[in-house]
Amino acid sequence: MYLLPQVRNGLNCLSQKILGPNTIIQASVPGILKETPKSFYAETLDFIESNAQLFYSKISAISGLKPVMPQGAMYMMVRSLQFSFI
């Protein structure tokens, strides 16, 4: 069975998605940014950082895996020491 038709269909569907905000949201953004308390941003960053540290420590404890602590990304790269292609 060939998967190319399904892949082509999936890529076509993705190309038709609008990835930007709609005009209603665009009009709301200035008010949202102005009225959101600074504590929200600080708490959100603390939450994300604590989860990254937790994930890093748990992945580091797994034999054969070596994570790279993110410096601002919302993902973590993990290298497999057993199957290294680098």
Protein backbone atom coordinates (compact mmCIF):
# COMPACT_ATOMS: atom_id res chain seq x y z
CA MET A 1 0.00 0.00 0.00
CA TYR A 2 1.38 3.39 -0.98
CA LEU A 3 0.97 6.25 1.47
CA LEU A 4 1.85 9.05 -0.94
CA PRO A 5 -1.81 9.95 -1.69
CA GLN A 6 -2.54 10.29 2.06
CA VAL A 7 0.62 12.35 2.59
CA ARG A 8 -0.25 14.60 -0.34
CA ASN A 9 -3.80 15.05 1.00
CA GLY A 10 -2.46 15.87 4.47
CA LEU A 11 -0.03 18.46 3.09
CA ASN A 12 -2.79 19.98 1.00
CA CYS A 13 -5.04 20.28 4.09
CA LEU A 14 -2.21 21.89 6.08
CA SER A 15 -1.52 24.41 3.31
CA GLN A 16 -5.12 25.60 3.51
CA LYS A 17 -5.03 26.41 7.23
CA ILE A 18 -4.80 30.04 8.31
CA LEU A 19 -2.16 30.13 11.01
CA GLY A 20 -2.57 33.80 11.93
CA PRO A 21 -5.07 35.39 14.30
CA ASN A 22 -8.45 36.53 13.05
CA THR A 23 -9.48 40.20 13.07
CA ILE A 24 -11.56 39.88 16.26
CA ILE A 25 -8.54 38.65 18.17
CA GLN A 26 -6.27 41.26 16.57
CA ALA A 27 -8.59 44.02 17.77
CA SER A 28 -8.61 42.55 21.31
CA VAL A 29 -4.85 42.13 21.72
CA PRO A 30 -4.00 45.71 22.83
CA GLY A 31 -6.59 45.57 25.61
CA ILE A 32 -5.55 42.09 26.66
CA LEU A 33 -1.89 43.11 26.85
CA LYS A 34 -2.67 46.32 28.73
CA GLU A 35 -5.07 44.76 31.26
CA THR A 36 -3.25 41.50 32.00
CA PRO A 37 -1.44 41.82 35.34
CA LYS A 38 2.36 41.44 35.24
CA SER A 39 2.03 38.71 37.87
CA PHE A 40 0.34 36.50 35.25
CA TYR A 41 3.44 36.57 33.06
CA ALA A 42 5.80 35.95 35.98
CA GLU A 43 3.70 33.02 37.25
CA THR A 44 3.44 31.54 33.76
CA LEU A 45 7.21 31.73 33.23
CA ASP A 46 7.86 30.19 36.65
CA PHE A 47 5.44 27.36 35.87
CA ILE A 48 7.05 26.65 32.49
CA GLU A 49 10.56 26.76 33.95
CA SER A 50 9.70 24.43 36.84
CA ASN A 51 8.15 21.94 34.42
CA ALA A 52 11.22 22.10 32.17
CA GLN A 53 13.47 21.46 35.18
CA LEU A 54 11.30 18.56 36.32
CA PHE A 55 11.27 17.02 32.85
CA TYR A 56 15.04 17.53 32.52
CA SER A 57 15.74 15.81 35.84
CA LYS A 58 13.44 12.87 35.06
CA ILE A 59 14.86 12.35 31.55
CA SER A 60 18.42 12.70 32.88
CA ALA A 61 17.73 9.79 35.24
CA ILE A 62 17.00 7.45 32.30
CA SER A 63 20.06 5.49 31.25
CA GLY A 64 21.04 6.19 27.65
CA LEU A 65 19.23 9.53 27.33
CA LYS A 66 20.87 12.94 27.54
CA PRO A 67 18.49 15.92 27.45
CA VAL A 68 19.50 19.48 26.57
CA MET A 69 17.90 22.04 28.90
CA PRO A 70 15.86 24.49 26.81
CA GLN A 71 16.87 28.15 26.92
CA GLY A 72 13.57 29.59 25.75
CA ALA A 73 11.98 26.93 23.57
CA MET A 74 8.79 25.07 24.38
CA TYR A 75 10.40 21.72 23.66
CA MET A 76 13.43 19.77 24.85
CA MET A 77 15.95 17.99 22.66
CA VAL A 78 16.92 14.54 23.96
CA ARG A 79 19.90 12.65 22.63
CA SER A 80 20.00 8.87 22.69
CA LEU A 81 23.48 7.80 23.70
CA GLN A 82 22.87 4.25 22.48
CA PHE A 83 21.78 5.22 18.98
CA SER A 84 23.80 8.35 18.35
CA PHE A 85 24.06 9.33 14.69
CA ILE A 86 26.17 12.42 15.41
